[in-house]
Amino acid sequence: MKNALGQVIDYIYDNLDNPPTLEQLAQFTGLSESYFQRRFVAQYGISADALQRLLRLRRAAWQLAFRPHQTVTDIAYDAGFESVAAFSKSFRRHGGVTPSEFRANPDWDYWRSLETPLAGLRTNHNDDSEFTPESSTLIAFPSLTLSGIHHQADPVTLGKTLRQLINWRQAHGVSPPRSRTFNIFVAPPTPGHLDIFIGATNGAGKPLEAGMRHYVLPAMECLTLFFSGSETAMGRAMARLTEEAGGCLCHPPFIERVRWFPDVPEEEAEYRLYAPVTLS
């Protein structure tokens, strides 16, 4: 039964845009609706309906913060609410502020508090996808000039950095798909500190804002791997790729973000991972 409930969790995560009814979830496990509800709450401490609503609200928070082109109305309907008023009431009940207030000044305390418990609900997903040295290939990576921000601060403040870069990209016509998005892991993260350059291509010649700069990725050989899965799973795959590179690593590893949350479900995010190496 625990495995069947785990499959229900995966089904809920994978169908946020078309949320299943309680009847459908109960049928999925072969249980009556009332017994399914009791077992689900006993196992996870939250009802299936409440979990679906919470996951849609969490995605809405990301859309409010990082997708300025989406209106609050569009986000409300995308989250499954019949009106902006109902969405605002539910969002404020959970996050303490209205959607418009959150968009103007995101406070991530509540939504970040959900990261660990929500991630812990997943059982069957890409986090344990197979990775072997044969999964990677060696390529000649061409030189690229990125325009972006070197974030050297607490991970909690990363959202502010992302918003600045997103707004700059929109203002200068270098948002995806006109431009590629890269993250360079300048140094390994430590508790309370993240050292990462977040940048985009095709920004050369555009006026940079305060705190922005260019970063040149030199032409170099790289072990590379295409990966699809959650951010946590990607981090583990990146660690294994750099382990494969070993002492040949000659530049900070980096990734290209191809598709990412909240535009796609977290488990369907796509990345190209790179570990630059010197083989001579």
Protein backbone atom coordinates (compact mmCIF):
# COMPACT_ATOMS: atom_id res chain seq x y z
CA MET A 1 0.00 0.00 0.00
CA LYS A 2 2.85 2.41 0.78
CA ASN A 3 4.16 1.95 -2.77
CA ALA A 4 0.69 2.57 -4.23
CA LEU A 5 0.39 5.80 -2.26
CA GLY A 6 3.85 6.81 -3.46
CA GLN A 7 2.67 6.35 -7.03
CA VAL A 8 -0.30 8.58 -6.24
CA ILE A 9 2.12 11.28 -5.05
CA ASP A 10 4.00 11.05 -8.34
CA TYR A 11 0.73 11.18 -10.27
CA ILE A 12 -0.32 14.34 -8.42
CA TYR A 13 3.04 16.04 -9.11
CA ASP A 14 2.93 15.09 -12.76
CA ASN A 15 -0.63 16.33 -13.36
CA LEU A 16 -0.82 19.78 -11.77
CA ASP A 17 -2.37 21.21 -14.94
CA ASN A 18 -5.09 18.54 -14.95
CA PRO A 19 -5.51 17.61 -11.28
CA PRO A 20 -7.15 14.23 -10.69
CA THR A 21 -10.29 14.02 -8.58
CA LEU A 22 -10.42 12.20 -5.28
CA GLU A 23 -12.45 9.50 -7.00
CA GLN A 24 -9.75 9.03 -9.65
CA LEU A 25 -6.99 8.84 -7.04
CA ALA A 26 -8.92 6.28 -5.00
CA GLN A 27 -9.52 4.19 -8.13
CA PHE A 28 -5.78 4.41 -8.87
CA THR A 29 -5.11 2.55 -5.60
CA GLY A 30 -8.16 0.28 -5.69
CA LEU A 31 -9.48 1.73 -2.42
CA SER A 32 -12.75 3.36 -1.50
CA GLU A 33 -12.65 7.16 -1.36
CA SER A 34 -13.08 7.33 2.41
CA TYR A 35 -10.43 4.69 3.13
CA PHE A 36 -8.03 6.25 0.62
CA GLN A 37 -8.40 9.64 2.33
CA ARG A 38 -7.66 8.17 5.76
CA ARG A 39 -4.62 6.23 4.53
CA PHE A 40 -3.23 9.21 2.62
CA VAL A 41 -3.54 11.62 5.55
CA ALA A 42 -2.11 9.04 7.93
CA GLN A 43 0.88 8.49 5.64
CA TYR A 44 1.65 12.08 4.64
CA GLY A 45 -0.06 14.34 7.17
CA ILE A 46 -1.98 16.20 4.46
CA SER A 47 -5.00 15.35 2.32
CA ALA A 48 -4.59 14.74 -1.42
CA ASP A 49 -6.76 17.77 -2.25
CA ALA A 50 -4.74 20.03 0.05
CA LEU A 51 -1.48 18.76 -1.44
CA GLN A 52 -2.62 19.51 -4.99
CA ARG A 53 -3.73 23.01 -3.98
CA LEU A 54 -0.44 23.66 -2.14
CA LEU A 55 1.67 22.52 -5.10
CA ARG A 56 -0.27 24.75 -7.50
CA LEU A 57 0.11 27.72 -5.12
CA ARG A 58 3.84 27.07 -4.83
CA ARG A 59 4.17 27.06 -8.61
CA ALA A 60 2.11 30.27 -8.68
CA ALA A 61 4.61 31.87 -6.29
CA TRP A 62 7.43 31.12 -8.74
CA GLN A 63 5.39 32.47 -11.63
CA LEU A 64 4.60 35.67 -9.73
CA ALA A 65 8.26 36.22 -8.87
CA PHE A 66 9.98 35.13 -12.10
CA ARG A 67 7.44 35.42 -14.91
CA PRO A 68 6.55 39.14 -15.04
CA HIS A 69 4.83 38.71 -18.41
CA GLN A 70 2.15 36.55 -16.79
CA THR A 71 -0.72 38.47 -15.23
CA VAL A 72 -2.06 37.65 -11.78
CA THR A 73 -5.32 36.64 -13.48
CA ASP A 74 -3.55 34.18 -15.79
CA ILE A 75 -1.61 32.73 -12.86
CA ALA A 76 -4.80 32.37 -10.81
CA TYR A 77 -6.53 30.37 -13.54
CA ASP A 78 -3.37 28.37 -14.17
CA ALA A 79 -3.40 27.42 -10.49
CA GLY A 80 -6.94 26.05 -10.86
CA PHE A 81 -8.89 28.87 -9.20
CA GLU A 82 -12.17 30.13 -10.62
CA SER A 83 -11.49 33.76 -9.71
CA VAL A 84 -8.65 36.08 -8.77
CA ALA A 85 -10.40 36.76 -5.46
CA ALA A 86 -10.36 33.06 -4.52
CA PHE A 87 -6.73 32.77 -5.57
CA SER A 88 -5.73 35.84 -3.56
CA LYS A 89 -7.54 34.58 -0.46
CA SER A 90 -5.88 31.17 -0.62
CA PHE A 91 -2.43 32.59 -1.45
CA ARG A 92 -2.62 35.04 1.45
CA ARG A 93 -3.78 32.33 3.85
CA HIS A 94 -0.67 30.31 3.06
CA GLY A 95 2.01 32.93 2.37
CA GLY A 96 0.78 35.84 4.49
CA VAL A 97 0.57 38.36 1.61
CA THR A 98 -1.55 38.84 -1.50
CA PRO A 99 -0.23 37.72 -4.90
CA SER A 100 0.35 41.33 -5.96
CA GLU A 101 2.23 42.09 -2.74
CA PHE A 102 4.36 38.97 -3.20
CA ARG A 103 5.13 39.90 -6.81
CA ALA A 104 6.26 43.38 -5.76
CA ASN A 105 8.43 42.12 -2.90
CA PRO A 106 8.77 38.32 -2.72
CA ASP A 107 9.11 36.90 0.77
CA TRP A 108 10.21 33.31 0.34
CA ASP A 109 10.20 32.25 4.01
CA TYR A 110 6.96 30.26 3.83
CA TRP A 111 7.48 28.78 0.37
CA ARG A 112 11.07 27.77 1.12
CA SER A 113 9.89 26.09 4.31
CA LEU A 114 7.96 23.69 2.07
CA GLU A 115 10.95 22.60 -0.03
CA THR A 116 12.24 19.78 2.17
CA PRO A 117 8.90 18.26 3.25
CA LEU A 118 7.47 18.40 -0.27
CA ALA A 119 10.59 16.89 -1.81
CA GLY A 120 10.43 14.13 0.78
CA LEU A 121 7.02 13.07 -0.48
CA ARG A 122 8.35 11.88 -3.81
CA THR A 123 9.17 8.21 -4.14
CA ASN A 124 9.40 7.25 -7.81
CA HIS A 125 11.09 9.97 -9.80
CA ASN A 126 14.27 10.88 -11.62
CA ASP A 127 16.37 11.53 -8.51
CA ASP A 128 17.86 8.05 -8.75
CA SER A 129 18.12 7.85 -12.53
CA GLU A 130 21.01 5.76 -13.77
CA PHE A 131 24.30 7.55 -14.36
CA THR A 132 27.47 5.89 -15.57
CA PRO A 133 30.66 7.31 -17.12
CA GLU A 134 29.36 6.03 -20.47
CA SER A 135 26.46 8.51 -20.17
CA SER A 136 28.80 11.44 -20.83
CA THR A 137 30.54 12.43 -24.04
CA LEU A 138 33.64 14.53 -24.74
CA ILE A 139 33.04 17.62 -26.89
CA ALA A 140 34.87 20.74 -28.03
CA PHE A 141 32.96 23.58 -26.36
CA PRO A 142 33.20 26.90 -28.28
CA SER A 143 33.96 30.18 -26.53
CA LEU A 144 30.87 32.07 -25.34
CA THR A 145 30.45 35.50 -23.80
CA LEU A 146 27.77 35.64 -21.12
CA SER A 147 26.13 38.70 -19.62
CA GLY A 148 24.91 38.25 -16.09
CA ILE A 149 25.43 38.47 -12.36
CA HIS A 150 28.00 36.86 -10.09
CA HIS A 151 25.98 35.85 -7.04
CA GLN A 152 28.25 35.56 -4.01
CA ALA A 153 25.82 35.56 -1.12
CA ASP A 154 23.30 33.59 0.90
CA PRO A 155 21.17 31.28 -1.29
CA VAL A 156 18.11 32.93 0.29
CA THR A 157 18.84 36.08 -1.72
CA LEU A 158 19.22 34.24 -5.04
CA GLY A 159 15.64 35.09 -6.00
CA LYS A 160 16.45 38.79 -6.06
CA THR A 161 19.41 38.12 -8.34
CA LEU A 162 17.29 36.04 -10.69
CA ARG A 163 14.59 38.70 -10.88
CA GLN A 164 17.14 41.35 -11.81
CA LEU A 165 18.57 39.21 -14.60
CA ILE A 166 15.15 38.18 -15.90
CA ASN A 167 13.98 41.80 -16.04
CA TRP A 168 17.21 42.88 -17.76
CA ARG A 169 16.86 40.13 -20.35
CA GLN A 170 13.28 41.10 -21.10
CA ALA A 171 14.18 44.78 -21.40
CA HIS A 172 16.93 44.04 -23.94
CA GLY A 173 15.34 41.26 -25.97
CA VAL A 174 17.57 38.43 -24.81
CA SER A 175 15.03 36.22 -23.06
CA PRO A 176 14.69 32.57 -24.08
CA PRO A 177 14.51 31.32 -26.77
CA ARG A 178 16.51 34.21 -28.27
CA SER A 179 19.24 33.58 -25.73
CA ARG A 180 20.72 30.61 -23.87
CA THR A 181 20.95 30.45 -20.07
CA PHE A 182 24.04 29.25 -18.19
CA ASN A 183 24.98 28.78 -14.54
CA ILE A 184 28.69 28.56 -13.69
CA PHE A 185 29.49 27.00 -10.32
CA VAL A 186 32.46 29.22 -9.51
CA ALA A 187 33.09 27.53 -6.16
CA PRO A 188 31.43 24.70 -4.24
CA PRO A 189 28.53 25.93 -2.08
CA THR A 190 29.00 26.17 1.67
CA PRO A 191 26.35 26.61 4.37
CA GLY A 192 24.81 30.04 3.92
CA HIS A 193 26.93 30.94 0.87
CA LEU A 194 26.50 30.41 -2.85
CA ASP A 195 29.15 31.34 -5.44
CA ILE A 196 27.59 31.12 -8.89
CA PHE A 197 27.56 33.17 -12.10
CA ILE A 198 24.17 33.33 -13.78
CA GLY A 199 24.31 34.59 -17.33
CA ALA A 200 22.82 34.66 -20.80
CA THR A 201 24.17 34.69 -24.33
CA ASN A 202 23.61 37.42 -26.93
CA GLY A 203 23.96 40.21 -24.37
CA ALA A 204 27.21 41.66 -25.74
CA GLY A 205 26.73 45.32 -26.60
CA LYS A 206 23.70 45.68 -24.34
CA PRO A 207 24.01 48.20 -21.48
CA LEU A 208 24.64 46.39 -18.19
CA GLU A 209 23.01 47.36 -14.91
CA ALA A 210 24.80 47.82 -11.61
CA GLY A 211 26.09 44.50 -10.33
CA MET A 212 26.22 42.91 -13.78
CA ARG A 213 29.26 41.97 -15.84
CA HIS A 214 30.40 39.80 -18.72
CA TYR A 215 31.92 36.35 -18.26
CA VAL A 216 33.83 34.64 -21.05
CA LEU A 217 33.60 30.88 -21.22
CA PRO A 218 36.77 29.92 -23.09
CA ALA A 219 36.92 27.33 -25.82
CA MET A 220 37.73 24.05 -24.09
CA GLU A 221 37.10 20.33 -24.06
CA CYS A 222 34.25 19.26 -21.83
CA LEU A 223 32.69 16.09 -20.59
CA THR A 224 29.00 16.74 -21.16
CA LEU A 225 25.75 15.08 -20.22
CA PHE A 226 22.12 15.85 -21.00
CA PHE A 227 20.00 15.44 -17.89
CA SER A 228 16.27 15.62 -17.18
CA GLY A 229 14.99 15.72 -13.61
CA SER A 230 14.65 17.80 -10.50
CA GLU A 231 17.13 20.43 -9.36
CA THR A 232 18.26 18.13 -6.55
CA ALA A 233 18.80 15.25 -8.96
CA MET A 234 20.71 17.52 -11.34
CA GLY A 235 23.05 18.49 -8.50
CA ARG A 236 23.86 14.84 -7.86
CA ALA A 237 24.43 14.19 -11.56
CA MET A 238 26.72 17.24 -11.74
CA ALA A 239 28.71 15.96 -8.75
CA ARG A 240 29.16 12.58 -10.41
CA LEU A 241 30.21 14.18 -13.69
CA THR A 242 32.88 16.26 -11.95
CA GLU A 243 34.04 13.15 -10.10
CA GLU A 244 34.44 11.48 -13.48
CA ALA A 245 36.58 14.42 -14.63
CA GLY A 246 38.72 14.02 -11.51
CA GLY A 247 42.08 15.77 -11.58
CA CYS A 248 41.58 16.74 -15.23
CA LEU A 249 39.01 19.41 -14.32
CA CYS A 250 40.42 22.72 -15.61
CA HIS A 251 37.58 25.22 -15.14
CA PRO A 252 34.54 25.52 -12.86
CA PRO A 253 31.78 23.17 -14.00
CA PHE A 254 28.68 24.73 -15.50
CA ILE A 255 25.23 23.94 -16.83
CA GLU A 256 22.94 25.20 -19.54
CA ARG A 257 19.31 25.36 -18.50
CA VAL A 258 17.16 24.16 -21.40
CA ARG A 259 13.72 23.94 -19.76
CA TRP A 260 12.95 24.67 -16.14
CA PHE A 261 10.32 25.11 -13.43
CA PRO A 262 7.78 26.75 -13.33
CA ASP A 263 7.47 26.50 -17.14
CA VAL A 264 7.59 22.70 -16.92
CA PRO A 265 7.06 20.32 -13.97
CA GLU A 266 10.14 20.08 -11.75
CA GLU A 267 10.83 16.49 -12.77
CA GLU A 268 10.77 17.46 -16.47
CA ALA A 269 13.38 20.21 -16.21
CA GLU A 270 16.19 19.76 -18.74
CA TYR A 271 19.87 20.64 -18.43
CA ARG A 272 23.15 20.20 -20.28
CA LEU A 273 25.92 19.57 -17.78
CA TYR A 274 29.56 20.41 -18.53
CA ALA A 275 32.81 19.46 -16.79
CA PRO A 276 35.75 21.20 -18.57
CA VAL A 277 38.84 18.99 -18.73
CA THR A 278 42.46 19.06 -19.84
CA LEU A 279 43.40 15.66 -21.19
CA SER A 280 46.94 16.30 -22.44
